[in-house]
Protein backbone atom coordinates (compact mmCIF):
# COMPACT_ATOMS: atom_id res chain seq x y z
CA MET A 1 -0.78 1.93 -16.84
CA GLN A 2 -1.40 -1.69 -18.79
CA SER A 3 -4.28 -4.42 -17.11
CA LEU A 4 -3.26 -7.93 -16.81
CA ASP A 5 -5.22 -11.08 -16.10
CA PRO A 6 -3.78 -13.24 -12.91
CA ASP A 7 -4.82 -16.25 -15.23
CA THR A 8 -1.79 -15.52 -17.83
CA LEU A 9 0.92 -16.14 -15.41
CA VAL A 10 1.12 -19.90 -15.85
CA GLY A 11 4.68 -20.84 -14.38
CA TYR A 12 5.22 -17.85 -12.55
CA LEU A 13 6.44 -18.15 -8.91
CA ASN A 14 4.88 -16.41 -6.00
CA ASP A 15 7.81 -13.89 -5.12
CA ASP A 16 7.13 -13.42 -1.04
CA ALA A 17 10.33 -12.17 -0.39
CA ALA A 18 9.97 -8.84 -2.74
CA ARG A 19 6.87 -8.27 -1.31
CA LYS A 20 7.69 -8.35 2.31
CA ARG A 21 10.97 -6.36 1.51
CA PHE A 22 8.66 -3.49 -0.61
CA GLU A 23 6.07 -3.48 2.28
CA ARG A 24 8.99 -2.96 4.93
CA ARG A 25 9.94 0.20 2.95
CA PHE A 26 6.83 1.88 4.25
CA ARG A 27 6.57 -0.02 7.49
CA ILE A 28 8.06 2.89 9.68
CA PRO A 29 6.62 5.85 8.08
CA GLY A 30 3.28 4.40 8.31
CA LEU A 31 3.83 3.22 12.29
CA LEU A 32 4.98 6.82 12.68
CA GLY A 33 1.64 8.48 10.58
CA PHE A 34 -0.74 6.03 12.27
CA VAL A 35 0.68 6.92 15.69
CA LEU A 36 0.54 10.87 14.97
CA PHE A 37 -2.52 11.11 13.38
CA GLY A 38 -4.55 8.94 15.50
CA GLY A 39 -2.67 10.30 18.39
CA GLY A 40 -3.58 13.82 17.48
CA ILE A 41 -7.02 12.95 17.10
CA ALA A 42 -7.16 11.08 20.60
CA TRP A 43 -5.64 14.33 22.33
CA SER A 44 -8.12 16.24 20.44
CA VAL A 45 -10.81 14.37 22.02
CA PHE A 46 -9.91 14.34 25.34
CA ILE A 47 -8.29 17.70 26.08
CA GLU A 48 -10.53 20.63 25.50
CA LYS A 49 -8.10 22.66 24.25
CA PRO A 50 -5.70 20.97 21.60
CA ASN A 51 -2.32 23.53 21.15
CA ALA A 52 0.09 23.45 18.19
CA PHE A 53 1.87 20.58 18.58
CA VAL A 54 -1.35 18.75 18.18
CA PHE A 55 -2.00 20.13 15.23
CA ALA A 56 1.87 19.78 14.07
CA GLY A 57 1.41 15.85 14.95
CA LEU A 58 -1.86 15.75 12.85
CA ALA A 59 0.00 17.28 10.15
CA VAL A 60 2.81 15.59 10.25
CA GLY A 61 0.95 12.30 10.70
CA ALA A 62 -1.37 12.89 7.89
CA VAL A 63 1.47 13.71 5.26
CA CYS A 64 3.20 10.34 6.45
CA LEU A 65 0.30 8.32 5.81
CA ILE A 66 -0.01 10.28 2.38
CA ILE A 67 3.37 9.18 1.34
CA CYS A 68 2.92 5.67 2.19
CA VAL A 69 0.18 5.22 0.13
CA LEU A 70 1.65 7.40 -2.73
CA GLY A 71 4.68 5.57 -2.64
CA MET A 72 3.11 2.26 -2.88
CA ARG A 73 1.16 2.84 -5.75
CA PHE A 74 4.33 4.63 -7.60
CA LEU A 75 7.49 3.19 -6.72
CA THR A 76 8.51 -0.15 -8.67
CA PRO A 77 9.51 -2.48 -6.33
CA THR A 78 12.54 -5.34 -7.25
CA SER A 79 12.41 -8.64 -7.45
CA SER A 80 14.17 -10.84 -5.07
CA SER A 81 16.69 -11.11 -7.99
CA GLY A 82 17.19 -6.93 -8.00
CA ARG A 83 15.79 -6.99 -11.38
CA PRO A 84 12.72 -3.93 -11.52
CA MET A 85 9.58 -5.24 -11.91
CA LYS A 86 6.46 -4.41 -14.03
CA LYS A 87 3.45 -2.96 -12.76
CA PHE A 88 -0.03 -4.05 -13.97
CA TRP A 89 -3.93 -3.62 -12.91
CA VAL A 90 -5.73 -6.74 -12.14
CA ASP A 91 -8.49 -6.99 -14.32
CA ARG A 92 -10.65 -9.27 -12.63
CA SER A 93 -9.99 -8.78 -8.86
CA ASN A 94 -10.97 -11.35 -6.22
CA SER A 95 -10.55 -8.86 -3.93
CA TYR A 96 -13.32 -6.61 -5.40
CA GLY A 97 -11.12 -3.34 -5.27
CA HIS A 98 -8.12 -2.17 -7.03
CA GLU A 99 -5.70 -4.50 -7.07
CA MET A 100 -2.35 -4.47 -8.54
CA ILE A 101 -0.03 -6.74 -9.78
CA PHE A 102 3.97 -6.92 -10.05
CA VAL A 103 5.55 -8.75 -12.78
CA CYS A 104 9.54 -10.10 -13.44
CA GLU A 105 9.46 -11.25 -16.69
CA ASP A 106 13.41 -12.04 -16.45
CA THR A 107 12.84 -14.32 -13.24
CA LYS A 108 9.39 -15.65 -13.77
CA THR A 109 8.24 -14.08 -10.39
CA TYR A 110 5.00 -12.08 -9.11
CA PHE A 111 3.52 -10.62 -6.30
CA ARG A 112 0.07 -8.83 -5.84
CA ARG A 113 -0.57 -6.08 -3.35
CA VAL A 114 -4.63 -4.46 -2.78
CA PHE A 115 -4.37 -1.29 -2.41
CA ALA A 116 -8.38 -0.60 -1.56
CA LYS A 117 -11.44 -2.70 -1.33
CA ASN A 118 -14.61 -1.56 -2.08
CA ALA A 119 -17.29 -1.64 0.37
CA LYS A 120 -20.67 -3.36 -0.72
CA VAL A 121 -23.23 -1.55 1.43
CA ARG A 122 -26.25 -3.68 2.02
CA ILE A 123 -29.49 -1.51 2.57
CA LEU A 124 -32.06 -3.21 4.54
């Protein structure tokens, strides 16, 4: 995948509607994965003997979360006009992490998505 400097997008408009529509796709699987995985961990901490349903919830929740992360990384969003957007890595990210920018050259729109932030560890 190619990289792109966001400063080169002079004249492009931010497409919030496309970003919201892209993220809305993953809202239900992400919430389901969070509830099942987090609930399974909480259940196993507070109950002495977790049963097969707890392990099934953990497994289904983990699969839902993995699907969300990989789907957001590999699926192609569409712009507000319905055209597919191109994906680029951001060269110099202000978020100090892995950030992608999705660009529609036909409509001159874009949106950014941060996938992971690098944590800065301070040693005292």
